Amino acid sequence: MPRLAWRRTLAVMIDPRRALLSQVVGREVLVGAVRALAPAGVTPVVLKGVWLQACVYTQQASRVVTDVDLLVPERRFEHALIALEHAGWRRRSSDVRAVSLEHAEMQLPIDLHRQLFTRGAFRLSTDAVFERSHVDHAAFDVTVRLPDPRDGLAHLIGHFVKSRMRRDDPDRLRDFVAITRRYPLEPENCARHLYEVGMARAARYVLHHLAYTERDDFHRELVEALPRDPLAEPIVQLARRIASDSGTSGVLGAMPGFLLDRSLPAGARALVLRALDLLHERGAQEFQALRSR
């Protein structure tokens, strides 16, 4: 058997086991975090991989997770952080939207979010996500909040462009297909929701491959139901060219995520805010380094 074919066969054999293991570990981490947050009166919204594993994919071994993403109300963020630190979690990195924490006895880290995206990016606010979410006791055998599937879809689209993923990444694109097959969503309603949260252009960029290369009817109807926008296609084409030319590294590689905001002025504002936040974070790190000497 050719070496490449053997590697692919081995990957198929290993990935389901890795996914199942990550599900067991991810659930354990989530349950521990939720129990630590309960005395502080904080019930988080479960996001991304762990939500997809437990609530979207029908087969347990379909999705690998590498961390546990939790969203808490912004006004309760510091309370949640203190509660987790009292339970043994330690900060490993942070920015204005989230803190990543690790625990000596846990195999996966937690990303604790106060916001889903950097300041000024899109319009998917934490308060709105909480308002549309619902309380659930069954998915993880502890009390959590599960996102409205449209918000889950929107968050993944935003994460896709902000994380500089390849537009034809099969592992990430199948998340969108899984959501739209799992829940009774309507393309027109999803399109309207994505427009309202400032993600219409990002949706055109992310879902184009599914809509027109993979010929997925739901995503084609969704893209075609997005409101008319004369600037959308030139901007999406520019974002594609930048992504192709720059790959996923450097300052240029981050530009598509800002170009694809609800408008060019909104994207420019988010870019400026991100630059200011990076300067602040760097200054804080240098100050901490000086204090520790």
Protein backbone atom coordinates (compact mmCIF):
# COMPACT_ATOMS: atom_id res chain seq x y z
CA MET A 1 0.00 0.00 0.00
CA PRO A 2 1.40 3.48 -0.87
CA ARG A 3 2.62 5.44 2.12
CA LEU A 4 0.04 8.23 1.71
CA ALA A 5 -2.83 5.75 1.40
CA TRP A 6 -1.61 3.96 4.50
CA ARG A 7 -1.49 7.22 6.45
CA ARG A 8 -5.04 8.02 5.39
CA THR A 9 -6.23 4.56 6.41
CA LEU A 10 -4.50 4.91 9.77
CA ALA A 11 -6.10 8.32 10.29
CA VAL A 12 -9.56 6.86 9.67
CA MET A 13 -8.83 4.13 12.21
CA ILE A 14 -7.48 6.49 14.86
CA ASP A 15 -9.75 9.53 14.57
CA PRO A 16 -12.94 7.86 15.89
CA ARG A 17 -11.05 6.63 18.96
CA ARG A 18 -9.54 10.07 19.48
CA ALA A 19 -12.95 11.70 19.07
CA LEU A 20 -14.57 9.32 21.55
CA LEU A 21 -11.78 9.89 24.06
CA SER A 22 -12.06 13.64 23.64
CA GLN A 23 -15.80 13.41 24.24
CA VAL A 24 -15.30 11.56 27.53
CA VAL A 25 -12.59 13.97 28.66
CA GLY A 26 -14.46 17.04 27.42
CA ARG A 27 -17.59 16.03 29.30
CA GLU A 28 -15.59 15.48 32.49
CA VAL A 29 -13.96 18.91 32.17
CA LEU A 30 -17.28 20.61 31.44
CA VAL A 31 -19.05 18.96 34.38
CA GLY A 32 -16.21 19.95 36.71
CA ALA A 33 -16.30 23.54 35.49
CA VAL A 34 -20.09 23.82 35.75
CA ARG A 35 -20.03 22.50 39.31
CA ALA A 36 -17.31 24.99 40.20
CA LEU A 37 -19.36 27.84 38.71
CA ALA A 38 -22.63 26.88 40.40
CA PRO A 39 -21.84 28.41 43.85
CA ALA A 40 -21.12 31.71 42.08
CA GLY A 41 -24.57 31.58 40.49
CA VAL A 42 -23.17 31.33 36.96
CA THR A 43 -24.68 28.96 34.39
CA PRO A 44 -22.61 29.07 31.18
CA VAL A 45 -23.62 28.65 27.56
CA VAL A 46 -21.79 25.66 26.05
CA LEU A 47 -20.14 26.47 22.73
CA LYS A 48 -18.41 24.97 19.71
CA GLY A 49 -16.89 21.50 19.88
CA VAL A 50 -18.41 20.17 23.10
CA TRP A 51 -21.86 21.46 22.08
CA LEU A 52 -21.45 19.94 18.62
CA GLN A 53 -20.34 16.60 20.07
CA ALA A 54 -23.18 16.28 22.54
CA CYS A 55 -26.08 17.97 20.76
CA VAL A 56 -25.47 18.04 17.01
CA TYR A 57 -23.60 14.97 15.79
CA THR A 58 -25.55 11.75 16.00
CA GLN A 59 -22.48 9.53 16.35
CA GLN A 60 -20.36 9.95 19.45
CA ALA A 61 -17.06 9.55 17.59
CA SER A 62 -17.77 12.19 14.95
CA ARG A 63 -16.06 15.25 16.41
CA VAL A 64 -12.71 15.79 18.13
CA VAL A 65 -12.45 18.60 20.68
CA THR A 66 -9.24 20.16 21.98
CA ASP A 67 -10.73 22.51 24.59
CA VAL A 68 -14.02 23.32 26.31
CA ASP A 69 -15.57 26.66 25.33
CA LEU A 70 -17.92 28.32 27.82
CA LEU A 71 -19.62 31.71 27.58
CA VAL A 72 -20.63 33.58 30.74
CA PRO A 73 -22.38 36.96 31.14
CA GLU A 74 -19.91 39.83 30.93
CA ARG A 75 -21.03 41.26 34.27
CA ARG A 76 -20.38 37.86 35.90
CA PHE A 77 -17.08 37.11 34.17
CA GLU A 78 -14.77 37.98 37.08
CA HIS A 79 -16.97 36.02 39.51
CA ALA A 80 -16.78 33.01 37.18
CA LEU A 81 -13.01 33.34 36.87
CA ILE A 82 -12.54 33.49 40.65
CA ALA A 83 -14.80 30.46 41.14
CA LEU A 84 -12.76 28.40 38.67
CA GLU A 85 -9.47 29.49 40.21
CA HIS A 86 -10.75 28.45 43.64
CA ALA A 87 -11.47 25.03 42.09
CA GLY A 88 -7.86 24.65 40.96
CA TRP A 89 -7.91 26.16 37.49
CA ARG A 90 -4.96 28.36 36.52
CA ARG A 91 -4.72 30.98 33.79
CA ARG A 92 -2.48 30.08 30.88
CA SER A 93 -3.35 32.92 28.46
CA SER A 94 -5.90 35.68 28.03
CA ASP A 95 -7.16 38.49 25.83
CA VAL A 96 -10.05 40.93 26.03
CA ARG A 97 -12.66 38.35 25.04
CA ALA A 98 -11.58 35.20 26.90
CA VAL A 99 -9.24 33.54 29.38
CA SER A 100 -7.78 30.10 28.79
CA LEU A 101 -7.40 28.01 31.94
CA GLU A 102 -5.84 24.66 32.71
CA HIS A 103 -6.13 22.26 35.64
CA ALA A 104 -3.47 19.84 36.82
CA GLU A 105 -6.00 17.01 36.99
CA MET A 106 -7.84 17.74 33.73
CA GLN A 107 -6.68 16.74 30.26
CA LEU A 108 -8.30 19.61 28.33
CA PRO A 109 -8.21 23.37 28.96
CA ILE A 110 -11.21 25.67 29.31
CA ASP A 111 -11.69 28.79 27.22
CA LEU A 112 -13.88 31.04 29.36
CA HIS A 113 -15.49 33.70 27.16
CA ARG A 114 -17.02 37.02 28.11
CA GLN A 115 -17.41 37.85 24.40
CA LEU A 116 -17.44 35.63 21.34
CA PHE A 117 -15.26 37.91 19.22
CA THR A 118 -12.82 40.76 19.66
CA ARG A 119 -14.21 44.20 20.47
CA GLY A 120 -16.30 45.74 17.72
CA ALA A 121 -16.37 42.60 15.56
CA PHE A 122 -19.79 41.60 14.23
CA ARG A 123 -22.93 42.08 16.36
CA LEU A 124 -23.32 38.73 18.15
CA SER A 125 -23.43 40.10 21.68
CA THR A 126 -23.13 37.98 24.81
CA ASP A 127 -26.43 39.26 26.20
CA ALA A 128 -28.28 38.36 23.00
CA VAL A 129 -26.78 34.87 22.91
CA PHE A 130 -27.93 34.31 26.49
CA GLU A 131 -31.42 35.62 25.74
CA ARG A 132 -31.85 33.18 22.86
CA SER A 133 -30.25 30.21 24.67
CA HIS A 134 -32.20 27.74 26.81
CA VAL A 135 -31.53 25.89 30.04
CA ASP A 136 -30.75 22.18 29.65
CA HIS A 137 -30.30 19.47 32.29
CA ALA A 138 -29.96 16.38 30.09
CA ALA A 139 -27.12 16.87 27.61
CA PHE A 140 -24.36 16.74 30.25
CA ASP A 141 -26.31 15.71 33.39
CA VAL A 142 -25.62 19.15 34.87
CA THR A 143 -27.42 22.44 34.34
CA VAL A 144 -26.06 24.40 31.41
CA ARG A 145 -27.41 26.70 28.73
CA LEU A 146 -27.42 25.55 25.10
CA PRO A 147 -27.23 28.09 22.28
CA ASP A 148 -29.90 28.82 19.73
CA PRO A 149 -28.70 26.76 16.72
CA ARG A 150 -28.63 29.94 14.62
CA ASP A 151 -26.20 31.49 17.11
CA GLY A 152 -24.17 28.28 17.08
CA LEU A 153 -24.01 28.55 13.29
CA ALA A 154 -23.11 32.25 13.41
CA HIS A 155 -20.38 31.69 16.00
CA LEU A 156 -18.79 28.99 13.88
CA ILE A 157 -18.87 31.25 10.81
CA GLY A 158 -17.19 34.06 12.73
CA HIS A 159 -14.65 31.67 14.23
CA PHE A 160 -13.96 30.28 10.75
CA VAL A 161 -12.94 33.65 9.31
CA LYS A 162 -11.19 34.92 12.45
CA SER A 163 -9.15 31.72 12.79
CA ARG A 164 -8.03 31.87 9.15
CA MET A 165 -9.22 28.40 8.22
CA ARG A 166 -9.06 27.09 4.66
CA ARG A 167 -12.35 27.73 2.86
CA ASP A 168 -12.59 24.07 1.83
CA ASP A 169 -11.60 22.63 5.24
CA PRO A 170 -13.76 19.46 5.32
CA ASP A 171 -13.65 18.99 9.09
CA ARG A 172 -14.98 22.47 9.78
CA LEU A 173 -17.44 22.66 6.89
CA ARG A 174 -19.19 19.48 7.98
CA ASP A 175 -20.04 21.22 11.26
CA PHE A 176 -22.32 23.55 9.30
CA VAL A 177 -23.97 20.65 7.49
CA ALA A 178 -24.45 18.78 10.76
CA ILE A 179 -26.18 21.76 12.42
CA THR A 180 -28.57 22.35 9.54
CA ARG A 181 -29.47 18.67 9.39
CA ARG A 182 -29.88 18.27 13.13
CA TYR A 183 -32.21 21.21 13.72
CA PRO A 184 -35.39 22.27 11.84
CA LEU A 185 -33.84 25.44 10.47
CA GLU A 186 -35.05 27.39 7.44
CA PRO A 187 -32.48 28.93 5.06
CA GLU A 188 -34.34 32.25 4.86
CA ASN A 189 -34.57 32.53 8.64
CA CYS A 190 -30.87 31.72 9.06
CA ALA A 191 -29.97 34.26 6.38
CA ARG A 192 -31.99 36.94 8.15
CA HIS A 193 -30.37 36.08 11.48
CA LEU A 194 -26.85 36.20 10.02
CA TYR A 195 -27.59 39.60 8.49
CA GLU A 196 -28.96 40.91 11.80
CA VAL A 197 -25.82 39.85 13.71
CA GLY A 198 -23.58 41.49 11.09
CA MET A 199 -22.31 38.30 9.47
CA ALA A 200 -23.86 38.27 5.99
CA ARG A 201 -20.55 38.89 4.20
CA ALA A 202 -18.74 36.37 6.39
CA ALA A 203 -21.46 33.83 5.57
CA ARG A 204 -20.99 34.39 1.83
CA TYR A 205 -17.27 33.78 2.26
CA VAL A 206 -17.51 30.70 4.49
CA LEU A 207 -20.50 28.93 2.95
CA HIS A 208 -19.68 29.43 -0.74
CA HIS A 209 -17.83 26.12 -1.01
CA LEU A 210 -20.73 24.19 0.52
CA ALA A 211 -23.30 26.04 -1.56
CA TYR A 212 -21.70 25.87 -4.99
CA THR A 213 -18.88 23.31 -4.95
CA GLU A 214 -20.47 20.69 -2.70
CA ARG A 215 -23.93 21.76 -3.98
CA ASP A 216 -25.59 21.58 -0.59
CA ASP A 217 -29.14 22.83 -1.18
CA PHE A 218 -29.65 24.31 2.29
CA HIS A 219 -26.52 26.44 2.17
CA ARG A 220 -27.13 27.51 -1.43
CA GLU A 221 -30.62 28.69 -0.46
CA LEU A 222 -29.19 30.41 2.62
CA VAL A 223 -26.55 32.30 0.64
CA GLU A 224 -29.06 33.32 -2.02
CA ALA A 225 -31.50 34.50 0.66
CA LEU A 226 -28.99 36.97 2.12
CA PRO A 227 -30.01 40.59 1.50
CA ARG A 228 -28.75 42.22 -1.69
CA ASP A 229 -25.34 43.82 -1.12
CA PRO A 230 -23.55 45.32 -4.18
CA LEU A 231 -20.24 45.47 -2.30
CA ALA A 232 -20.39 41.92 -0.93
CA GLU A 233 -18.99 40.04 -3.91
CA PRO A 234 -15.96 42.33 -4.51
CA ILE A 235 -15.14 42.28 -0.80
CA VAL A 236 -15.49 38.49 -0.57
CA GLN A 237 -13.28 38.10 -3.66
CA LEU A 238 -10.67 40.39 -2.10
CA ALA A 239 -10.80 38.42 1.15
CA ARG A 240 -10.29 35.18 -0.79
CA ARG A 241 -7.31 36.61 -2.65
CA ILE A 242 -5.70 37.88 0.56
CA ALA A 243 -6.27 34.52 2.26
CA SER A 244 -4.76 32.65 -0.72
CA ASP A 245 -1.75 34.96 -1.02
CA SER A 246 -0.93 35.27 2.68
CA GLY A 247 -1.87 31.82 3.95
CA THR A 248 -2.81 31.86 7.61
CA SER A 249 0.08 33.76 9.16
CA GLY A 250 1.02 37.35 9.78
CA VAL A 251 -0.95 40.57 9.92
CA LEU A 252 -2.16 40.23 6.32
CA GLY A 253 -3.59 36.80 7.10
CA ALA A 254 -5.88 38.38 9.70
CA MET A 255 -7.33 40.94 7.29
CA PRO A 256 -10.19 38.82 5.83
CA GLY A 257 -11.75 38.56 9.28
CA PHE A 258 -12.07 42.37 9.42
CA LEU A 259 -12.94 42.88 5.76
CA LEU A 260 -15.90 40.52 6.16
CA ASP A 261 -17.55 42.42 8.98
CA ARG A 262 -21.00 43.99 8.43
CA SER A 263 -19.43 47.04 6.72
CA LEU A 264 -15.97 48.32 5.87
CA PRO A 265 -16.15 51.08 8.53
CA ALA A 266 -17.23 48.51 11.13
CA GLY A 267 -14.35 46.23 10.13
CA ALA A 268 -11.87 49.11 10.27
CA ARG A 269 -13.11 50.06 13.73
CA ALA A 270 -12.77 46.45 14.93
CA LEU A 271 -9.24 46.33 13.50
CA VAL A 272 -8.22 49.50 15.34
CA LEU A 273 -9.72 48.22 18.59
CA ARG A 274 -7.86 44.94 18.15
CA ALA A 275 -4.58 46.75 17.60
CA LEU A 276 -5.16 48.82 20.75
CA ASP A 277 -6.02 45.70 22.74
CA LEU A 278 -2.88 43.95 21.53
CA LEU A 279 -0.77 46.90 22.65
CA HIS A 280 -2.48 46.85 26.03
CA GLU A 281 -2.00 43.09 26.39
CA ARG A 282 1.68 43.36 25.45
CA GLY A 283 2.20 46.16 27.94
CA ALA A 284 0.50 44.15 30.69
CA GLN A 285 2.71 41.14 29.93
CA GLU A 286 5.87 43.24 30.04
CA PHE A 287 4.78 44.84 33.31
CA GLN A 288 4.10 41.41 34.80
CA ALA A 289 7.50 40.19 33.64
CA LEU A 290 9.18 43.16 35.33
CA ARG A 291 7.30 42.50 38.57
CA SER A 292 8.34 38.85 38.62
CA ARG A 293 12.06 39.63 38.35
